[in-house]
């Protein structure tokens, strides 16, 4: 088995390399956008949970504070 010397890249090889590079860059950008979308969805879900908890427990907390204030 002989060791072959590296051959000089042809124009076709260069074009293919550029194509693969562009595809890789586009995939990286798409993944970054997807991650931002996921973070936005998580943030909105947390906001909904906090709002529902506030609406549910808001009057109870207010009643508790009024009772404590009355005892003082």
N, C-alpha and C. Protein backbone atom coordinates (compact mmCIF):
# COMPACT_ATOMS: atom_id res chain seq x y z
N UNK A 1 0.84 -1.16 0.00
CA UNK A 1 0.00 0.00 0.00
C UNK A 1 0.90 1.24 0.00
N UNK A 2 0.76 2.03 -1.00
CA UNK A 2 1.61 3.20 -1.15
C UNK A 2 0.92 4.43 -0.58
N UNK A 3 1.74 5.33 -0.05
CA UNK A 3 1.22 6.59 0.48
C UNK A 3 1.11 7.55 -0.69
N UNK A 4 -0.09 8.04 -0.90
CA UNK A 4 -0.28 8.94 -2.04
C UNK A 4 -0.13 10.38 -1.58
N UNK A 5 0.39 11.18 -2.44
CA UNK A 5 0.56 12.61 -2.16
C UNK A 5 -0.79 13.28 -2.29
N UNK A 6 -0.97 14.36 -1.56
CA UNK A 6 -2.23 15.09 -1.66
C UNK A 6 -2.34 15.69 -3.04
N UNK A 7 -3.53 15.52 -3.61
CA UNK A 7 -3.73 16.10 -4.93
C UNK A 7 -4.25 17.52 -4.79
N UNK A 8 -3.99 18.31 -5.77
CA UNK A 8 -4.43 19.69 -5.78
C UNK A 8 -5.95 19.73 -5.95
N UNK A 9 -6.65 20.50 -5.11
CA UNK A 9 -8.11 20.52 -5.23
C UNK A 9 -8.54 21.13 -6.56
N UNK A 10 -9.51 20.52 -7.15
CA UNK A 10 -10.04 21.02 -8.42
C UNK A 10 -11.07 22.09 -8.13
N UNK A 11 -11.52 22.74 -9.18
CA UNK A 11 -12.53 23.79 -9.02
C UNK A 11 -13.83 23.17 -8.50
N UNK A 12 -14.12 21.96 -8.94
CA UNK A 12 -15.32 21.28 -8.47
C UNK A 12 -15.25 21.00 -6.97
N UNK A 13 -14.06 20.61 -6.48
CA UNK A 13 -13.88 20.38 -5.05
C UNK A 13 -14.09 21.68 -4.27
N UNK A 14 -13.59 22.78 -4.79
CA UNK A 14 -13.72 24.07 -4.13
C UNK A 14 -15.18 24.50 -4.07
N UNK A 15 -15.90 24.29 -5.16
CA UNK A 15 -17.32 24.65 -5.19
C UNK A 15 -18.10 23.82 -4.17
N UNK A 16 -17.80 22.54 -4.10
CA UNK A 16 -18.48 21.67 -3.14
C UNK A 16 -18.17 22.10 -1.70
N UNK A 17 -16.93 22.48 -1.45
CA UNK A 17 -16.54 22.91 -0.12
C UNK A 17 -17.30 24.18 0.27
N UNK A 18 -17.42 25.12 -0.66
CA UNK A 18 -18.17 26.35 -0.40
C UNK A 18 -19.64 26.04 -0.14
N UNK A 19 -20.20 25.10 -0.89
CA UNK A 19 -21.59 24.72 -0.72
C UNK A 19 -21.82 24.12 0.67
N UNK A 20 -20.93 23.21 1.08
CA UNK A 20 -21.05 22.61 2.40
C UNK A 20 -20.89 23.66 3.51
N UNK A 21 -20.00 24.61 3.30
CA UNK A 21 -19.80 25.67 4.29
C UNK A 21 -21.07 26.51 4.43
N UNK A 22 -21.69 26.88 3.31
CA UNK A 22 -22.93 27.66 3.35
C UNK A 22 -24.04 26.88 4.05
N UNK A 23 -24.13 25.59 3.75
CA UNK A 23 -25.16 24.76 4.38
C UNK A 23 -24.93 24.69 5.89
N UNK A 24 -23.69 24.55 6.32
CA UNK A 24 -23.36 24.49 7.74
C UNK A 24 -23.73 25.80 8.44
N UNK A 25 -23.41 26.92 7.82
CA UNK A 25 -23.72 28.23 8.40
C UNK A 25 -25.23 28.40 8.53
N UNK A 26 -25.98 28.02 7.51
CA UNK A 26 -27.44 28.14 7.56
C UNK A 26 -28.01 27.25 8.67
N UNK A 27 -27.49 26.06 8.81
CA UNK A 27 -27.96 25.15 9.86
C UNK A 27 -27.66 25.72 11.24
N UNK A 28 -26.51 26.33 11.39
CA UNK A 28 -26.14 26.94 12.68
C UNK A 28 -27.07 28.09 13.02
N UNK A 29 -27.39 28.91 12.04
CA UNK A 29 -28.29 30.05 12.25
C UNK A 29 -29.69 29.56 12.57
N UNK A 30 -30.15 28.51 11.91
CA UNK A 30 -31.48 27.97 12.17
C UNK A 30 -31.55 27.41 13.58
N UNK A 31 -30.50 26.77 14.04
CA UNK A 31 -30.49 26.21 15.40
C UNK A 31 -30.53 27.33 16.42
N UNK A 32 -29.87 28.42 16.16
CA UNK A 32 -29.87 29.56 17.09
C UNK A 32 -31.27 30.16 17.17
N UNK A 33 -31.93 30.31 16.04
CA UNK A 33 -33.30 30.83 16.02
C UNK A 33 -34.26 29.89 16.72
N UNK A 34 -34.06 28.62 16.55
CA UNK A 34 -34.91 27.63 17.20
C UNK A 34 -34.74 27.71 18.71
N UNK A 35 -33.52 27.89 19.18
CA UNK A 35 -33.26 27.99 20.61
C UNK A 35 -33.95 29.23 21.19
N UNK A 36 -33.89 30.35 20.49
CA UNK A 36 -34.54 31.56 20.97
C UNK A 36 -36.05 31.37 21.05
N UNK A 37 -36.61 30.66 20.09
CA UNK A 37 -38.04 30.38 20.11
C UNK A 37 -38.40 29.51 21.30
N UNK A 38 -37.58 28.52 21.58
CA UNK A 38 -37.84 27.65 22.74
C UNK A 38 -37.78 28.46 24.03
N UNK A 39 -36.80 29.35 24.17
CA UNK A 39 -36.72 30.19 25.36
C UNK A 39 -37.95 31.09 25.48
N UNK A 40 -38.43 31.62 24.39
CA UNK A 40 -39.62 32.48 24.42
C UNK A 40 -40.84 31.68 24.87
N UNK A 41 -40.97 30.45 24.38
CA UNK A 41 -42.10 29.61 24.80
C UNK A 41 -42.02 29.27 26.29
N UNK A 42 -40.83 28.96 26.77
CA UNK A 42 -40.66 28.66 28.19
C UNK A 42 -40.99 29.89 29.03
N UNK A 43 -40.50 31.05 28.62
CA UNK A 43 -40.76 32.28 29.35
C UNK A 43 -42.25 32.60 29.39
N UNK A 44 -42.95 32.40 28.28
CA UNK A 44 -44.38 32.67 28.28
C UNK A 44 -45.13 31.67 29.15
N UNK A 45 -44.70 30.42 29.17
CA UNK A 45 -45.34 29.42 30.04
C UNK A 45 -45.15 29.78 31.51
N UNK A 46 -43.95 30.21 31.88
CA UNK A 46 -43.70 30.63 33.26
C UNK A 46 -44.55 31.84 33.60
N UNK A 47 -44.68 32.78 32.68
CA UNK A 47 -45.49 33.98 32.93
C UNK A 47 -46.95 33.60 33.17
N UNK A 48 -47.47 32.65 32.41
CA UNK A 48 -48.86 32.21 32.59
C UNK A 48 -49.02 31.56 33.96
N UNK A 49 -48.08 30.71 34.36
CA UNK A 49 -48.17 30.05 35.67
C UNK A 49 -48.12 31.07 36.79
N UNK A 50 -47.23 32.06 36.70
CA UNK A 50 -47.14 33.09 37.73
C UNK A 50 -48.43 33.91 37.79
N UNK A 51 -49.00 34.24 36.65
CA UNK A 51 -50.24 35.02 36.61
C UNK A 51 -51.39 34.24 37.24
N UNK A 52 -51.52 32.97 36.91
CA UNK A 52 -52.59 32.14 37.47
C UNK A 52 -52.40 32.00 38.99
N UNK A 53 -51.17 31.81 39.43
CA UNK A 53 -50.90 31.70 40.86
C UNK A 53 -51.24 33.01 41.57
N UNK A 54 -50.92 34.11 40.95
CA UNK A 54 -51.23 35.41 41.55
C UNK A 54 -52.74 35.60 41.66
N UNK A 55 -53.46 35.28 40.59
CA UNK A 55 -54.91 35.43 40.61
C UNK A 55 -55.55 34.50 41.63
N UNK A 56 -55.02 33.29 41.76
CA UNK A 56 -55.59 32.31 42.68
C UNK A 56 -55.29 32.67 44.13
N UNK A 57 -54.08 33.06 44.42
CA UNK A 57 -53.66 33.28 45.80
C UNK A 57 -53.68 34.75 46.21
N UNK A 58 -53.92 35.64 45.28
CA UNK A 58 -53.88 37.07 45.58
C UNK A 58 -54.85 37.49 46.65
N UNK A 59 -56.10 37.04 46.56
CA UNK A 59 -57.09 37.44 47.57
C UNK A 59 -56.79 36.78 48.92
N UNK A 60 -56.27 35.55 48.90
CA UNK A 60 -55.92 34.87 50.15
C UNK A 60 -54.79 35.61 50.88
N UNK A 61 -53.81 36.05 50.14
CA UNK A 61 -52.69 36.78 50.74
C UNK A 61 -53.17 38.11 51.28
N UNK A 62 -54.05 38.78 50.54
CA UNK A 62 -54.59 40.06 50.99
C UNK A 62 -55.39 39.88 52.27
N UNK A 63 -56.21 38.86 52.34
CA UNK A 63 -56.98 38.56 53.54
C UNK A 63 -56.06 38.27 54.72
N UNK A 64 -55.01 37.50 54.50
CA UNK A 64 -54.05 37.19 55.55
C UNK A 64 -53.37 38.46 56.07
N UNK A 65 -52.98 39.37 55.18
CA UNK A 65 -52.33 40.60 55.59
C UNK A 65 -53.28 41.50 56.38
N UNK A 66 -54.55 41.54 55.99
CA UNK A 66 -55.55 42.32 56.72
C UNK A 66 -55.74 41.75 58.13
N UNK A 67 -55.76 40.41 58.25
CA UNK A 67 -55.92 39.78 59.55
C UNK A 67 -54.71 40.07 60.45
N UNK A 68 -53.53 40.01 59.89
CA UNK A 68 -52.33 40.32 60.69
C UNK A 68 -52.33 41.78 61.12
N UNK A 69 -52.74 42.67 60.21
CA UNK A 69 -52.79 44.09 60.52
C UNK A 69 -53.81 44.35 61.63
N UNK A 70 -54.92 43.65 61.60
CA UNK A 70 -55.94 43.80 62.63
C UNK A 70 -55.45 43.34 63.99
N UNK A 71 -54.61 42.33 64.03
CA UNK A 71 -54.09 41.81 65.30
C UNK A 71 -53.02 42.72 65.88
N UNK A 72 -52.37 43.48 65.04
CA UNK A 72 -51.31 44.37 65.53
C UNK A 72 -51.96 45.57 66.16
